[in-house]
Amino acid sequence: MLQVDTNHSINSAAELLEEYASGEREFQKANLGGVNLRGAELEQAILNGADLEKANLNRANLLGVALYRANLRSVELSLANLREANLQEADLRVANLQGAALEAAKLREANLKLAYLGQANLKSVDLERANLSAAILSGANLSGANLEQANLSRANLSGANLEQAILRGAQLNRADLRGADLWEANLVGTDLRRAYLWGANLGKAAMWEANLRGTDLRGASLGRGNLGRADLRGALLQRSNLRGTHLWGTNLKQANLERSDLREAILIIANLSGANLKGADLSGANLEQANLGGANLRKADLSSANLREAYYDANTRFNDGFDPSRAGMVKIESHSEQLSRLQGVFS
């Protein structure tokens, strides 16, 4: 019986396609840098460890292909079919994957730094611990994707679909998420420092202990989300929707919440010291034991709000005629015993 030698090195597109057509599927560690495989049919091919740097695979059919630890740096894969492909630990730096189909692909620990994935379909993709720093993912579909502990710092995710995506512990500092859909996404412990989330949808998102310090959330929708113990110091939240949002123990020190919707929000023991709440709607909100020292509450709607044992000081600004003591609030003095007692909660 004729035995096919699968150990010899494949060095050209013609040789690869010829052997594939003859029924061969295993081409591990093939040397195919710079080859033209545009529109090639390579479904289920095994190319683990292959060198495909700068190769042209635009519109290629790579369904279920194995490219574990392959070198795909600067490769052209626009509109390619990579559904269910194994790209774990692959090097895809500066790769072009515009409009590529990657549903259910495995990209765990892959390096996609500076890669272009605009309009790509990454639904349910496994990108755990992947490097996507400075990658372009604008308009991409990442719904249900696993991005746990992934590096997305400075990535462009504007208009991306991240519904129900898992981003627990991910790095998104300075990422562009303007207009992104993060409905019911898991962002627990995620680093979103100075990220841009203008008009983003974060409804029902889990953001417990997330770092949103200095983040721009103007006009964002965070209704019914969980931001308990999150760090929102200095965050921009003007005209944002926080209705019914869980903000227990959240640090909103010097945050700008002007004209934001905080109806029925849970702000128990939240730190709102120095926060701008001018014109905010806090009707029905629970601010029990919250720190409102130095906060601006002018023109804010506090009807039916629970302010029992909430703290204020001489710099807290209320509407004319509002009596904080009648609302059950407690006045604190600088360096007082009361303020010292609260320091552990509001630090």
C-alpha atoms as a PDB file:
ATOM      1  CA  MET A   1       0.000   0.000   0.000  1.00  0.00           C
ATOM      2  CA  LEU A   2       1.321   3.458  -0.918  1.00  0.00           C
ATOM      3  CA  GLN A   3       2.407   5.405   2.182  1.00  0.00           C
ATOM      4  CA  VAL A   4       2.238   9.199   2.083  1.00  0.00           C
ATOM      5  CA  ASP A   5       5.085  10.958   3.852  1.00  0.00           C
ATOM      6  CA  THR A   6       3.415  13.540   6.102  1.00  0.00           C
ATOM      7  CA  ASN A   7       6.651  14.598   7.751  1.00  0.00           C
ATOM      8  CA  HIS A   8       8.259  16.394   4.805  1.00  0.00           C
ATOM      9  CA  SER A   9       7.965  20.168   4.788  1.00  0.00           C
ATOM     10  CA  ILE A  10       5.313  21.841   2.614  1.00  0.00           C
ATOM     11  CA  ASN A  11       6.881  24.958   1.074  1.00  0.00           C
ATOM     12  CA  SER A  12       4.436  26.224  -1.542  1.00  0.00           C
ATOM     13  CA  ALA A  13       0.743  26.877  -2.066  1.00  0.00           C
ATOM     14  CA  ALA A  14       0.686  24.551  -5.089  1.00  0.00           C
ATOM     15  CA  GLU A  15       2.163  21.672  -3.114  1.00  0.00           C
ATOM     16  CA  LEU A  16      -0.255  22.217  -0.229  1.00  0.00           C
ATOM     17  CA  LEU A  17      -3.320  22.314  -2.468  1.00  0.00           C
ATOM     18  CA  GLU A  18      -2.188  19.291  -4.464  1.00  0.00           C
ATOM     19  CA  GLU A  19      -1.734  17.142  -1.380  1.00  0.00           C
ATOM     20  CA  TYR A  20      -4.993  18.438   0.131  1.00  0.00           C
ATOM     21  CA  ALA A  21      -6.838  17.478  -3.076  1.00  0.00           C
ATOM     22  CA  SER A  22      -5.328  13.972  -2.830  1.00  0.00           C
ATOM     23  CA  GLY A  23      -6.880  13.526   0.631  1.00  0.00           C
ATOM     24  CA  GLU A  24      -4.000  14.593   2.871  1.00  0.00           C
ATOM     25  CA  ARG A  25      -5.019  16.806   5.815  1.00  0.00           C
ATOM     26  CA  GLU A  26      -1.967  16.981   8.062  1.00  0.00           C
ATOM     27  CA  PHE A  27       0.519  19.719   7.244  1.00  0.00           C
ATOM     28  CA  GLN A  28       2.055  20.514  10.600  1.00  0.00           C
ATOM     29  CA  LYS A  29       4.880  23.058  10.657  1.00  0.00           C
ATOM     30  CA  ALA A  30       4.450  23.839   6.957  1.00  0.00           C
ATOM     31  CA  ASN A  31       6.547  26.731   5.688  1.00  0.00           C
ATOM     32  CA  LEU A  32       4.065  28.901   3.804  1.00  0.00           C
ATOM     33  CA  GLY A  33       5.117  32.456   4.567  1.00  0.00           C
ATOM     34  CA  GLY A  34       3.844  34.945   1.981  1.00  0.00           C
ATOM     35  CA  VAL A  35       1.983  32.372  -0.170  1.00  0.00           C
ATOM     36  CA  ASN A  36      -1.232  33.154  -2.036  1.00  0.00           C
ATOM     37  CA  LEU A  37      -4.097  30.944  -0.838  1.00  0.00           C
ATOM     38  CA  ARG A  38      -6.912  33.364  -1.574  1.00  0.00           C
ATOM     39  CA  GLY A  39     -10.238  31.506  -1.702  1.00  0.00           C
ATOM     40  CA  ALA A  40      -8.549  28.141  -0.994  1.00  0.00           C
ATOM     41  CA  GLU A  41     -10.609  25.189   0.273  1.00  0.00           C
ATOM     42  CA  LEU A  42      -8.743  23.860   3.325  1.00  0.00           C
ATOM     43  CA  GLU A  43     -11.555  22.683   5.560  1.00  0.00           C
ATOM     44  CA  GLN A  44     -10.356  20.585   8.542  1.00  0.00           C
ATOM     45  CA  ALA A  45      -6.687  20.933   7.554  1.00  0.00           C
ATOM     46  CA  ILE A  46      -4.130  20.484  10.330  1.00  0.00           C
ATOM     47  CA  LEU A  47      -1.583  23.282  10.222  1.00  0.00           C
ATOM     48  CA  ASN A  48      -0.407  23.366  13.819  1.00  0.00           C
ATOM     49  CA  GLY A  49       2.830  25.314  14.173  1.00  0.00           C
ATOM     50  CA  ALA A  50       2.788  26.300  10.485  1.00  0.00           C
ATOM     51  CA  ASP A  51       4.431  29.492   9.270  1.00  0.00           C
ATOM     52  CA  LEU A  52       1.880  31.538   7.308  1.00  0.00           C
ATOM     53  CA  GLU A  53       3.269  34.980   8.002  1.00  0.00           C
ATOM     54  CA  LYS A  54       2.021  37.541   5.452  1.00  0.00           C
ATOM     55  CA  ALA A  55       0.134  34.840   3.543  1.00  0.00           C
ATOM     56  CA  ASN A  56      -3.014  35.767   1.592  1.00  0.00           C
ATOM     57  CA  LEU A  57      -5.973  33.702   2.843  1.00  0.00           C
ATOM     58  CA  ASN A  58      -8.716  36.181   2.027  1.00  0.00           C
ATOM     59  CA  ARG A  59     -12.068  34.413   1.515  1.00  0.00           C
ATOM     60  CA  ALA A  60     -10.453  31.021   2.229  1.00  0.00           C
ATOM     61  CA  ASN A  61     -12.557  28.211   3.686  1.00  0.00           C
ATOM     62  CA  LEU A  62     -10.799  27.228   6.909  1.00  0.00           C
ATOM     63  CA  LEU A  63     -13.732  25.628   8.685  1.00  0.00           C
ATOM     64  CA  GLY A  64     -12.499  23.590  11.644  1.00  0.00           C
ATOM     65  CA  VAL A  65      -8.850  24.097  10.677  1.00  0.00           C
ATOM     66  CA  ALA A  66      -6.158  23.445  13.321  1.00  0.00           C
ATOM     67  CA  LEU A  67      -3.701  26.344  13.588  1.00  0.00           C
ATOM     68  CA  TYR A  68      -2.483  25.848  17.147  1.00  0.00           C
ATOM     69  CA  ARG A  69       0.616  27.967  17.770  1.00  0.00           C
ATOM     70  CA  ALA A  70       0.778  28.875  14.078  1.00  0.00           C
ATOM     71  CA  ASN A  71       2.577  31.993  12.878  1.00  0.00           C
ATOM     72  CA  LEU A  72      -0.124  34.132  11.256  1.00  0.00           C
ATOM     73  CA  ARG A  73       1.510  37.482  11.778  1.00  0.00           C
ATOM     74  CA  SER A  74       0.344  40.093   9.241  1.00  0.00           C
ATOM     75  CA  VAL A  75      -1.727  37.426   7.456  1.00  0.00           C
ATOM     76  CA  GLU A  76      -4.678  38.430   5.229  1.00  0.00           C
ATOM     77  CA  LEU A  77      -7.857  36.654   6.384  1.00  0.00           C
ATOM     78  CA  SER A  78     -10.600  39.101   5.442  1.00  0.00           C
ATOM     79  CA  LEU A  79     -13.962  37.386   4.839  1.00  0.00           C
ATOM     80  CA  ALA A  80     -12.344  34.005   5.578  1.00  0.00           C
ATOM     81  CA  ASN A  81     -14.364  31.177   7.104  1.00  0.00           C
ATOM     82  CA  LEU A  82     -12.698  30.227  10.391  1.00  0.00           C
ATOM     83  CA  ARG A  83     -15.707  28.793  12.166  1.00  0.00           C
ATOM     84  CA  GLU A  84     -14.766  26.265  14.861  1.00  0.00           C
ATOM     85  CA  ALA A  85     -11.069  26.726  14.034  1.00  0.00           C
ATOM     86  CA  ASN A  86      -8.408  26.072  16.676  1.00  0.00           C
ATOM     87  CA  LEU A  87      -6.188  29.157  16.859  1.00  0.00           C
ATOM     88  CA  GLN A  88      -5.075  28.766  20.451  1.00  0.00           C
ATOM     89  CA  GLU A  89      -1.756  30.481  21.199  1.00  0.00           C
ATOM     90  CA  ALA A  90      -1.478  31.494  17.526  1.00  0.00           C
ATOM     91  CA  ASP A  91       0.417  34.662  16.598  1.00  0.00           C
ATOM     92  CA  LEU A  92      -2.052  36.934  14.780  1.00  0.00           C
ATOM     93  CA  ARG A  93      -0.384  40.256  15.426  1.00  0.00           C
ATOM     94  CA  VAL A  94      -1.340  42.887  12.836  1.00  0.00           C
ATOM     95  CA  ALA A  95      -3.469  40.286  11.011  1.00  0.00           C
ATOM     96  CA  ASN A  96      -6.381  41.428   8.841  1.00  0.00           C
ATOM     97  CA  LEU A  97      -9.567  39.549   9.795  1.00  0.00           C
ATOM     98  CA  GLN A  98     -12.076  42.094   8.569  1.00  0.00           C
ATOM     99  CA  GLY A  99     -15.507  40.505   8.215  1.00  0.00           C
ATOM    100  CA  ALA A 100     -14.109  37.030   8.957  1.00  0.00           C
ATOM    101  CA  ALA A 101     -16.440  34.337  10.324  1.00  0.00           C
ATOM    102  CA  LEU A 102     -15.015  32.973  13.586  1.00  0.00           C
ATOM    103  CA  GLU A 103     -18.065  31.639  15.387  1.00  0.00           C
ATOM    104  CA  ALA A 104     -17.153  29.114  18.103  1.00  0.00           C
ATOM    105  CA  ALA A 105     -13.446  29.372  17.234  1.00  0.00           C
ATOM    106  CA  LYS A 106     -10.811  28.733  19.915  1.00  0.00           C
ATOM    107  CA  LEU A 107      -8.453  31.663  20.368  1.00  0.00           C
ATOM    108  CA  ARG A 108      -7.413  31.141  23.962  1.00  0.00           C
ATOM    109  CA  GLU A 109      -4.093  32.920  24.674  1.00  0.00           C
ATOM    110  CA  ALA A 110      -3.797  33.975  21.023  1.00  0.00           C
ATOM    111  CA  ASN A 111      -1.860  37.154  20.253  1.00  0.00           C
ATOM    112  CA  LEU A 112      -4.064  39.565  18.286  1.00  0.00           C
ATOM    113  CA  LYS A 113      -2.271  42.766  19.161  1.00  0.00           C
ATOM    114  CA  LEU A 114      -3.035  45.470  16.567  1.00  0.00           C
ATOM    115  CA  ALA A 115      -5.135  42.997  14.564  1.00  0.00           C
ATOM    116  CA  TYR A 116      -8.028  44.292  12.435  1.00  0.00           C
ATOM    117  CA  LEU A 117     -11.327  42.527  13.221  1.00  0.00           C
ATOM    118  CA  GLY A 118     -13.831  45.150  12.145  1.00  0.00           C
ATOM    119  CA  GLN A 119     -17.276  43.629  11.425  1.00  0.00           C
ATOM    120  CA  ALA A 120     -15.924  40.131  12.200  1.00  0.00           C
ATOM    121  CA  ASN A 121     -18.285  37.499  13.590  1.00  0.00           C
ATOM    122  CA  LEU A 122     -16.805  36.287  16.889  1.00  0.00           C
ATOM    123  CA  LYS A 123     -19.983  34.953  18.423  1.00  0.00           C
ATOM    124  CA  SER A 124     -19.292  32.472  21.265  1.00  0.00           C
ATOM    125  CA  VAL A 125     -15.537  32.595  20.563  1.00  0.00           C
ATOM    126  CA  ASP A 126     -13.118  31.556  23.326  1.00  0.00           C
ATOM    127  CA  LEU A 127     -10.634  34.425  23.763  1.00  0.00           C
ATOM    128  CA  GLU A 128      -9.685  33.783  27.367  1.00  0.00           C
ATOM    129  CA  ARG A 129      -6.344  35.425  28.222  1.00  0.00           C
ATOM    130  CA  ALA A 130      -5.923  36.521  24.582  1.00  0.00           C
ATOM    131  CA  ASN A 131      -3.971  39.672  23.765  1.00  0.00           C
ATOM    132  CA  LEU A 132      -6.190  42.102  21.840  1.00  0.00           C
ATOM    133  CA  SER A 133      -4.437  45.277  22.894  1.00  0.00           C
ATOM    134  CA  ALA A 134      -4.953  48.114  20.384  1.00  0.00           C
ATOM    135  CA  ALA A 135      -6.923  45.741  18.135  1.00  0.00           C
ATOM    136  CA  ILE A 136      -9.757  47.127  15.992  1.00  0.00           C
ATOM    137  CA  LEU A 137     -13.063  45.344  16.705  1.00  0.00           C
ATOM    138  CA  SER A 138     -15.483  48.088  15.700  1.00  0.00           C
ATOM    139  CA  GLY A 139     -18.876  46.658  14.767  1.00  0.00           C
ATOM    140  CA  ALA A 140     -17.728  43.112  15.569  1.00  0.00           C
ATOM    141  CA  ASN A 141     -20.132  40.510  16.952  1.00  0.00           C
ATOM    142  CA  LEU A 142     -18.739  39.218  20.251  1.00  0.00           C
ATOM    143  CA  SER A 143     -22.021  38.165  21.796  1.00  0.00           C
ATOM    144  CA  GLY A 144     -21.560  35.310  24.246  1.00  0.00           C
ATOM    145  CA  ALA A 145     -17.773  35.385  23.731  1.00  0.00           C
ATOM    146  CA  ASN A 146     -15.402  34.365  26.522  1.00  0.00           C
ATOM    147  CA  LEU A 147     -12.941  37.221  27.078  1.00  0.00           C
ATOM    148  CA  GLU A 148     -12.044  36.413  30.664  1.00  0.00           C
ATOM    149  CA  GLN A 149      -8.703  38.003  31.631  1.00  0.00           C
ATOM    150  CA  ALA A 150      -8.164  39.110  28.018  1.00  0.00           C
ATOM    151  CA  ASN A 151      -6.079  42.214  27.309  1.00  0.00           C
ATOM    152  CA  LEU A 152      -8.237  44.726  25.419  1.00  0.00           C
ATOM    153  CA  SER A 153      -6.444  47.864  26.544  1.00  0.00           C
ATOM    154  CA  ARG A 154      -6.785  50.657  23.964  1.00  0.00           C
ATOM    155  CA  ALA A 155      -8.827  48.359  21.715  1.00  0.00           C
ATOM    156  CA  ASN A 156     -11.501  49.883  19.468  1.00  0.00           C
ATOM    157  CA  LEU A 157     -14.812  48.182  20.254  1.00  0.00           C
ATOM    158  CA  SER A 158     -17.085  51.020  19.182  1.00  0.00           C
ATOM    159  CA  GLY A 159     -20.476  49.719  18.119  1.00  0.00           C
ATOM    160  CA  ALA A 160     -19.482  46.135  18.944  1.00  0.00           C
ATOM    161  CA  ASN A 161     -22.018  43.574  20.136  1.00  0.00           C
ATOM    162  CA  LEU A 162     -20.872  42.170  23.491  1.00  0.00           C
ATOM    163  CA  GLU A 163     -24.235  40.981  24.756  1.00  0.00           C
ATOM    164  CA  GLN A 164     -23.763  38.372  27.523  1.00  0.00           C
ATOM    165  CA  ALA A 165     -20.016  38.308  26.875  1.00  0.00           C
ATOM    166  CA  ILE A 166     -17.743  37.187  29.714  1.00  0.00           C
ATOM    167  CA  LEU A 167     -15.177  39.901  30.432  1.00  0.00           C
ATOM    168  CA  ARG A 168     -14.420  38.988  34.031  1.00  0.00           C
ATOM    169  CA  GLY A 169     -11.001  40.319  35.032  1.00  0.00           C
ATOM    170  CA  ALA A 170     -10.302  41.653  31.528  1.00  0.00           C
ATOM    171  CA  GLN A 171      -8.187  44.741  30.845  1.00  0.00           C
ATOM    172  CA  LEU A 172     -10.175  47.412  29.011  1.00  0.00           C
ATOM    173  CA  ASN A 173      -8.346  50.499  30.200  1.00  0.00           C
ATOM    174  CA  ARG A 174      -8.620  53.309  27.636  1.00  0.00           C
ATOM    175  CA  ALA A 175     -10.646  51.041  25.332  1.00  0.00           C
ATOM    176  CA  ASP A 176     -13.149  52.677  22.961  1.00  0.00           C
ATOM    177  CA  LEU A 177     -16.589  51.187  23.676  1.00  0.00           C
ATOM    178  CA  ARG A 178     -18.716  54.041  22.395  1.00  0.00           C
ATOM    179  CA  GLY A 179     -22.157  52.771  21.464  1.00  0.00           C
ATOM    180  CA  ALA A 180     -21.216  49.171  22.299  1.00  0.00           C
ATOM    181  CA  ASP A 181     -23.894  46.739  23.463  1.00  0.00           C
ATOM    182  CA  LEU A 182     -22.862  45.086  26.752  1.00  0.00           C
ATOM    183  CA  TRP A 183     -26.310  43.997  27.885  1.00  0.00           C
ATOM    184  CA  GLU A 184     -26.028  41.338  30.623  1.00  0.00           C
ATOM    185  CA  ALA A 185     -22.247  41.171  30.125  1.00  0.00           C
ATOM    186  CA  ASN A 186     -20.049  39.890  32.959  1.00  0.00           C
ATOM    187  CA  LEU A 187     -17.559  42.627  33.832  1.00  0.00           C
ATOM    188  CA  VAL A 188     -16.821  41.586  37.411  1.00  0.00           C
ATOM    189  CA  GLY A 189     -13.431  42.912  38.473  1.00  0.00           C
ATOM    190  CA  THR A 190     -12.757  44.295  34.989  1.00  0.00           C
ATOM    191  CA  ASP A 191     -10.286  47.155  34.495  1.00  0.00           C
ATOM    192  CA  LEU A 192     -12.131  49.913  32.599  1.00  0.00           C
ATOM    193  CA  ARG A 193     -10.074  52.871  33.757  1.00  0.00           C
ATOM    194  CA  ARG A 194     -10.478  55.857  31.429  1.00  0.00           C
ATOM    195  CA  ALA A 195     -12.409  53.775  28.913  1.00  0.00           C
ATOM    196  CA  TYR A 196     -14.836  55.515  26.554  1.00  0.00           C
ATOM    197  CA  LEU A 197     -18.393  54.226  26.986  1.00  0.00           C
ATOM    198  CA  TRP A 198     -20.433  57.104  25.595  1.00  0.00           C
ATOM    199  CA  GLY A 199     -23.955  55.869  24.908  1.00  0.00           C
ATOM    200  CA  ALA A 200     -23.038  52.249  25.626  1.00  0.00           C
ATOM    201  CA  ASN A 201     -25.694  49.765  26.719  1.00  0.00           C
ATOM    202  CA  LEU A 202     -24.703  48.156  30.030  1.00  0.00           C
ATOM    203  CA  GLY A 203     -28.200  47.220  31.090  1.00  0.00           C
ATOM    204  CA  LYS A 204     -28.244  44.350  33.630  1.00  0.00           C
ATOM    205  CA  ALA A 205     -24.450  44.037  33.352  1.00  0.00           C
ATOM    206  CA  ALA A 206     -22.555  42.512  36.292  1.00  0.00           C
ATOM    207  CA  MET A 207     -19.814  44.976  37.218  1.00  0.00           C
ATOM    208  CA  TRP A 208     -19.144  44.116  40.844  1.00  0.00           C
ATOM    209  CA  GLU A 209     -15.776  45.560  41.970  1.00  0.00           C
ATOM    210  CA  ALA A 210     -14.980  46.790  38.445  1.00  0.00           C
ATOM    211  CA  ASN A 211     -12.472  49.626  38.103  1.00  0.00           C
ATOM    212  CA  LEU A 212     -14.144  52.492  36.230  1.00  0.00           C
ATOM    213  CA  ARG A 213     -12.047  55.302  37.611  1.00  0.00           C
ATOM    214  CA  GLY A 214     -12.140  58.295  35.281  1.00  0.00           C
ATOM    215  CA  THR A 215     -14.278  56.399  32.763  1.00  0.00           C
ATOM    216  CA  ASP A 216     -16.506  58.311  30.346  1.00  0.00           C
ATOM    217  CA  LEU A 217     -20.052  56.934  30.656  1.00  0.00           C
ATOM    218  CA  ARG A 218     -21.970  59.968  29.445  1.00  0.00           C
ATOM    219  CA  GLY A 219     -25.403  58.960  28.185  1.00  0.00           C
ATOM    220  CA  ALA A 220     -24.717  55.293  28.917  1.00  0.00           C
ATOM    221  CA  SER A 221     -27.472  52.923  30.014  1.00  0.00           C
ATOM    222  CA  LEU A 222     -26.621  51.005  33.197  1.00  0.00           C
ATOM    223  CA  GLY A 223     -30.165  50.348  34.343  1.00  0.00           C
ATOM    224  CA  ARG A 224     -30.687  47.342  36.658  1.00  0.00           C
ATOM    225  CA  GLY A 225     -26.966  46.575  36.528  1.00  0.00           C
ATOM    226  CA  ASN A 226     -24.805  45.549  39.483  1.00  0.00           C
ATOM    227  CA  LEU A 227     -21.940  47.958  40.219  1.00  0.00           C
ATOM    228  CA  GLY A 228     -21.595  47.083  43.886  1.00  0.00           C
ATOM    229  CA  ARG A 229     -18.208  48.143  45.327  1.00  0.00           C
ATOM    230  CA  ALA A 230     -17.089  49.358  41.895  1.00  0.00           C
ATOM    231  CA  ASP A 231     -14.594  52.222  41.664  1.00  0.00           C
ATOM    232  CA  LEU A 232     -16.190  55.138  39.780  1.00  0.00           C
ATOM    233  CA  ARG A 233     -14.103  57.945  41.222  1.00  0.00           C
ATOM    234  CA  GLY A 234     -14.092  60.901  38.856  1.00  0.00           C
ATOM    235  CA  ALA A 235     -16.252  59.068  36.312  1.00  0.00           C
ATOM    236  CA  LEU A 236     -18.337  61.062  33.826  1.00  0.00           C
ATOM    237  CA  LEU A 237     -21.965  59.917  34.098  1.00  0.00           C
ATOM    238  CA  GLN A 238     -23.919  62.935  32.883  1.00  0.00           C
ATOM    239  CA  ARG A 239     -27.383  62.015  31.606  1.00  0.00           C
ATOM    240  CA  SER A 240     -26.680  58.326  32.177  1.00  0.00           C
ATOM    241  CA  ASN A 241     -29.404  55.820  33.014  1.00  0.00           C
ATOM    242  CA  LEU A 242     -28.791  54.217  36.413  1.00  0.00           C
ATOM    243  CA  ARG A 243     -32.391  53.459  37.239  1.00  0.00           C
ATOM    244  CA  GLY A 244     -32.667  50.555  39.668  1.00  0.00           C
ATOM    245  CA  THR A 245     -28.909  49.992  39.495  1.00  0.00           C
ATOM    246  CA  HIS A 246     -27.183  48.265  42.410  1.00  0.00           C
ATOM    247  CA  LEU A 247     -24.501  50.669  43.694  1.00  0.00           C
ATOM    248  CA  TRP A 248     -24.022  49.318  47.227  1.00  0.00           C
ATOM    249  CA  GLY A 249     -20.712  50.512  48.642  1.00  0.00           C
ATOM    250  CA  THR A 250     -19.718  51.963  45.274  1.00  0.00           C
ATOM    251  CA  ASN A 251     -17.075  54.698  45.215  1.00  0.00           C
ATOM    252  CA  LEU A 252     -18.464  57.655  43.257  1.00  0.00           C
ATOM    253  CA  LYS A 253     -16.215  60.267  44.818  1.00  0.00           C
ATOM    254  CA  GLN A 254     -16.157  63.409  42.636  1.00  0.00           C
ATOM    255  CA  ALA A 255     -18.113  61.631  39.902  1.00  0.00           C
ATOM    256  CA  ASN A 256     -20.217  63.797  37.592  1.00  0.00           C
ATOM    257  CA  LEU A 257     -23.818  62.546  37.696  1.00  0.00           C
ATOM    258  CA  GLU A 258     -25.490  65.717  36.498  1.00  0.00           C
ATOM    259  CA  ARG A 259     -29.023  65.043  35.202  1.00  0.00           C
ATOM    260  CA  SER A 260     -28.527  61.295  35.547  1.00  0.00           C
ATOM    261  CA  ASP A 261     -31.464  58.965  36.177  1.00  0.00           C
ATOM    262  CA  LEU A 262     -30.954  57.317  39.576  1.00  0.00           C
ATOM    263  CA  ARG A 263     -34.553  56.486  40.307  1.00  0.00           C
ATOM    264  CA  GLU A 264     -34.851  53.512  42.666  1.00  0.00           C
ATOM    265  CA  ALA A 265     -31.067  53.053  42.615  1.00  0.00           C
ATOM    266  CA  ILE A 266     -29.492  51.281  45.597  1.00  0.00           C
ATOM    267  CA  LEU A 267     -26.770  53.571  46.959  1.00  0.00           C
ATOM    268  CA  ILE A 268     -26.457  52.187  50.478  1.00  0.00           C
ATOM    269  CA  ILE A 269     -23.091  53.233  52.036  1.00  0.00           C
ATOM    270  CA  ALA A 270     -21.989  54.567  48.633  1.00  0.00           C
ATOM    271  CA  ASN A 271     -19.320  57.267  48.567  1.00  0.00           C
ATOM    272  CA  LEU A 272     -20.736  60.328  46.791  1.00  0.00           C
ATOM    273  CA  SER A 273     -18.445  62.862  48.436  1.00  0.00           C
ATOM    274  CA  GLY A 274     -17.804  65.782  46.113  1.00  0.00           C
ATOM    275  CA  ALA A 275     -20.072  64.242  43.470  1.00  0.00           C
ATOM    276  CA  ASN A 276     -22.055  66.448  41.098  1.00  0.00           C
ATOM    277  CA  LEU A 277     -25.701  65.371  41.341  1.00  0.00           C
ATOM    278  CA  LYS A 278     -27.161  68.599  40.039  1.00  0.00           C
ATOM    279  CA  GLY A 279     -30.529  67.949  38.422  1.00  0.00           C
ATOM    280  CA  ALA A 280     -30.249  64.188  39.022  1.00  0.00           C
ATOM    281  CA  ASP A 281     -33.423  62.179  39.594  1.00  0.00           C
ATOM    282  CA  LEU A 282     -32.971  60.300  42.884  1.00  0.00           C
ATOM    283  CA  SER A 283     -36.646  59.697  43.531  1.00  0.00           C
ATOM    284  CA  GLY A 284     -37.166  56.418  45.343  1.00  0.00           C
ATOM    285  CA  ALA A 285     -33.407  55.835  45.630  1.00  0.00           C
ATOM    286  CA  ASN A 286     -31.926  54.247  48.751  1.00  0.00           C
ATOM    287  CA  LEU A 287     -29.066  56.403  50.061  1.00  0.00           C
ATOM    288  CA  GLU A 288     -28.960  54.997  53.558  1.00  0.00           C
ATOM    289  CA  GLN A 289     -25.592  55.741  55.216  1.00  0.00           C
ATOM    290  CA  ALA A 290     -24.246  57.150  51.946  1.00  0.00           C
ATOM    291  CA  ASN A 291     -21.528  59.805  52.126  1.00  0.00           C
ATOM    292  CA  LEU A 292     -22.776  63.032  50.531  1.00  0.00           C
ATOM    293  CA  GLY A 293     -20.132  65.307  52.007  1.00  0.00           C
ATOM    294  CA  GLY A 294     -19.453  68.172  49.594  1.00  0.00           C
ATOM    295  CA  ALA A 295     -21.920  66.790  47.030  1.00  0.00           C
ATOM    296  CA  ASN A 296     -23.962  69.102  44.814  1.00  0.00           C
ATOM    297  CA  LEU A 297     -27.656  68.193  45.064  1.00  0.00           C
ATOM    298  CA  ARG A 298     -29.067  71.411  43.678  1.00  0.00           C
ATOM    299  CA  LYS A 299     -32.176  70.816  41.525  1.00  0.00           C
ATOM    300  CA  ALA A 300     -31.974  67.094  42.345  1.00  0.00           C
ATOM    301  CA  ASP A 301     -35.226  65.200  42.860  1.00  0.00           C
ATOM    302  CA  LEU A 302     -35.063  63.551  46.291  1.00  0.00           C
ATOM    303  CA  SER A 303     -38.747  62.716  46.582  1.00  0.00           C
ATOM    304  CA  SER A 304     -39.330  59.385  48.357  1.00  0.00           C
ATOM    305  CA  ALA A 305     -35.555  58.878  48.603  1.00  0.00           C
ATOM    306  CA  ASN A 306     -34.277  57.080  51.704  1.00  0.00           C
ATOM    307  CA  LEU A 307     -31.646  59.360  53.262  1.00  0.00           C
ATOM    308  CA  ARG A 308     -31.651  57.811  56.717  1.00  0.00           C
ATOM    309  CA  GLU A 309     -28.231  58.201  58.346  1.00  0.00           C
ATOM    310  CA  ALA A 310     -26.779  59.533  55.098  1.00  0.00           C
ATOM    311  CA  TYR A 311     -23.879  61.895  55.804  1.00  0.00           C
ATOM    312  CA  TYR A 312     -23.486  65.501  54.718  1.00  0.00           C
ATOM    313  CA  ASP A 313     -21.256  68.405  55.680  1.00  0.00           C
ATOM    314  CA  ALA A 314     -21.142  72.176  55.463  1.00  0.00           C
ATOM    315  CA  ASN A 315     -20.175  71.969  51.788  1.00  0.00           C
ATOM    316  CA  THR A 316     -23.103  69.788  50.731  1.00  0.00           C
ATOM    317  CA  ARG A 317     -25.488  71.822  48.586  1.00  0.00           C
ATOM    318  CA  PHE A 318     -29.222  71.139  48.787  1.00  0.00           C
ATOM    319  CA  ASN A 319     -32.288  72.707  47.227  1.00  0.00           C
ATOM    320  CA  ASP A 320     -33.594  75.794  48.995  1.00  0.00           C
ATOM    321  CA  GLY A 321     -35.881  74.813  51.863  1.00  0.00           C
ATOM    322  CA  PHE A 322     -34.606  71.232  52.123  1.00  0.00           C
ATOM    323  CA  ASP A 323     -34.012  70.163  55.725  1.00  0.00           C
ATOM    324  CA  PRO A 324     -31.479  67.299  55.860  1.00  0.00           C
ATOM    325  CA  SER A 325     -32.103  66.636  59.551  1.00  0.00           C
ATOM    326  CA  ARG A 326     -35.802  66.046  58.896  1.00  0.00           C
ATOM    327  CA  ALA A 327     -34.789  63.552  56.212  1.00  0.00           C
ATOM    328  CA  GLY A 328     -32.809  61.654  58.862  1.00  0.00           C
ATOM    329  CA  MET A 329     -29.387  62.743  57.608  1.00  0.00           C
ATOM    330  CA  VAL A 330     -26.342  63.124  59.862  1.00  0.00           C
ATOM    331  CA  LYS A 331     -24.009  66.099  59.664  1.00  0.00           C
ATOM    332  CA  ILE A 332     -20.296  65.352  59.852  1.00  0.00           C
ATOM    333  CA  GLU A 333     -17.445  67.680  60.727  1.00  0.00           C
ATOM    334  CA  SER A 334     -13.908  67.607  59.388  1.00  0.00           C
ATOM    335  CA  HIS A 335     -11.665  65.291  61.374  1.00  0.00           C
ATOM    336  CA  SER A 336     -14.623  64.315  63.554  1.00  0.00           C
ATOM    337  CA  GLU A 337     -15.037  60.989  65.229  1.00  0.00           C
ATOM    338  CA  GLN A 338     -17.899  60.199  62.857  1.00  0.00           C
ATOM    339  CA  LEU A 339     -15.824  60.814  59.747  1.00  0.00           C
ATOM    340  CA  SER A 340     -12.997  58.726  61.132  1.00  0.00           C
ATOM    341  CA  ARG A 341     -15.465  55.920  61.719  1.00  0.00           C
ATOM    342  CA  LEU A 342     -16.508  56.045  58.069  1.00  0.00           C
ATOM    343  CA  GLN A 343     -13.031  56.210  56.620  1.00  0.00           C
ATOM    344  CA  GLY A 344     -12.768  52.457  56.119  1.00  0.00           C
ATOM    345  CA  VAL A 345     -15.965  52.392  54.094  1.00  0.00           C
ATOM    346  CA  PHE A 346     -15.400  55.496  51.992  1.00  0.00           C
ATOM    347  CA  SER A 347     -11.642  55.360  51.378  1.00  0.00           C
END
